[in-house]
Amino acid sequence: MNWDVVEVRPESGGILFVRFKDGLSGKIELRPEQLTGVLAPLREPALFQQAFIDMGAVAWPGDIDLAPDAMYKEIARNNAAVVVTTGRRI
C-alpha cells in the first residue's frame, strides 16, 4: 500500500518523522493527552525513541503500533507539509 512506512525517526517532544512508500513524508506530533490506553507507555521518552517499522506500520516494543493510513491522510491533507496534530507547524 502507498501508506506503508519505509522510514521513521522519533524526535523529541513526541514528534515522529515518517516517510511512506510513495515518497510522501512529514511529521506527526503525539501529544501526551493522546497517549492513553495501550499508547500510554509512549509517554516515556526512552520508549518513544525506540520506534521501528513493523510490516509497514510504526511500532514500539510491547506490541504498540500506529495505523499508517491515518498518518498518511493527515500528512497528505496538508500537502506533505510538516504537520502536527495541534495544527501548528514546526
Protein backbone atom coordinates (compact mmCIF):
# COMPACT_ATOMS: atom_id res chain seq x y z
CA MET A 1 0.00 0.00 0.00
CA ASN A 2 1.10 3.58 -0.58
CA TRP A 3 0.81 4.30 3.12
CA ASP A 4 3.38 1.69 4.15
CA VAL A 5 6.00 3.44 6.28
CA VAL A 6 9.56 2.99 5.00
CA GLU A 7 11.33 5.39 7.37
CA VAL A 8 10.59 6.57 10.90
CA ARG A 9 12.64 8.90 13.08
CA PRO A 10 11.42 9.74 16.55
CA GLU A 11 12.24 13.27 17.66
CA SER A 12 11.91 14.99 21.00
CA GLY A 13 8.55 16.23 22.20
CA GLY A 14 6.54 13.28 20.91
CA ILE A 15 7.21 14.06 17.26
CA LEU A 16 7.69 11.39 14.60
CA PHE A 17 9.13 11.98 11.15
CA VAL A 18 7.70 9.39 8.78
CA ARG A 19 8.29 8.66 5.10
CA PHE A 20 5.91 6.47 3.15
CA LYS A 21 6.47 4.03 0.30
CA ASP A 22 5.29 6.55 -2.30
CA GLY A 23 7.71 9.23 -1.03
CA LEU A 24 5.25 11.33 0.97
CA SER A 25 6.84 12.44 4.23
CA GLY A 26 6.16 14.69 7.17
CA LYS A 27 5.97 14.98 10.92
CA ILE A 28 3.24 13.91 13.31
CA GLU A 29 3.04 15.04 16.93
CA LEU A 30 1.71 12.62 19.53
CA ARG A 31 0.60 14.86 22.39
CA PRO A 32 0.57 13.48 25.95
CA GLU A 33 -3.24 13.66 26.14
CA GLN A 34 -3.41 11.39 23.07
CA LEU A 35 -1.18 8.80 24.70
CA THR A 36 -3.75 6.88 26.71
CA GLY A 37 -4.65 3.21 27.00
CA VAL A 38 -2.24 0.99 25.07
CA LEU A 39 -0.32 4.10 23.93
CA ALA A 40 0.31 5.36 27.49
CA PRO A 41 3.80 3.77 27.72
CA LEU A 42 4.90 6.07 24.88
CA ARG A 43 4.87 8.97 27.35
CA GLU A 44 8.24 7.58 28.47
CA PRO A 45 10.81 9.29 26.20
CA ALA A 46 13.18 6.32 26.24
CA LEU A 47 10.47 4.02 24.90
CA PHE A 48 9.21 6.59 22.38
CA GLN A 49 12.74 6.77 20.92
CA GLN A 50 12.64 3.01 20.20
CA ALA A 51 10.19 3.39 17.30
CA PHE A 52 10.72 0.96 14.43
CA ILE A 53 8.87 -0.24 11.33
CA ASP A 54 6.86 -3.47 11.50
CA MET A 55 5.14 -4.58 8.31
CA GLY A 56 4.68 -1.00 7.10
CA ALA A 57 3.49 0.42 10.43
CA VAL A 58 5.30 2.44 13.09
CA ALA A 59 5.70 0.23 16.14
CA TRP A 60 7.37 0.01 19.54
CA PRO A 61 8.33 -2.81 21.88
CA GLY A 62 5.34 -4.18 23.76
CA ASP A 63 3.09 -4.64 20.70
CA ILE A 64 2.36 -0.91 20.37
CA ASP A 65 1.71 0.40 16.87
CA LEU A 66 0.06 3.24 14.95
CA ALA A 67 -2.20 2.98 11.92
CA PRO A 68 -0.12 4.20 8.97
CA ASP A 69 -3.17 5.13 6.88
CA ALA A 70 -4.26 7.75 9.44
CA MET A 71 -0.79 9.34 9.49
CA TYR A 72 -0.66 9.29 5.69
CA LYS A 73 -4.03 11.02 5.38
CA GLU A 74 -3.03 13.71 7.91
CA ILE A 75 0.22 14.50 6.10
CA ALA A 76 -1.32 14.33 2.61
CA ARG A 77 -4.18 16.61 3.69
CA ASN A 78 -1.59 19.25 4.48
CA ASN A 79 0.21 18.90 1.13
CA ALA A 80 3.08 16.88 2.61
CA ALA A 81 3.94 19.84 4.85
CA VAL A 82 5.50 19.42 8.24
CA VAL A 83 2.40 18.56 10.24
CA VAL A 84 1.47 18.14 13.86
CA THR A 85 -1.91 17.23 15.24
CA THR A 86 -2.19 20.53 17.12
CA GLY A 87 -2.32 22.37 13.81
CA ARG A 88 0.99 24.11 14.49
CA ARG A 89 3.82 23.88 12.00
CA ILE A 90 7.25 23.06 13.28
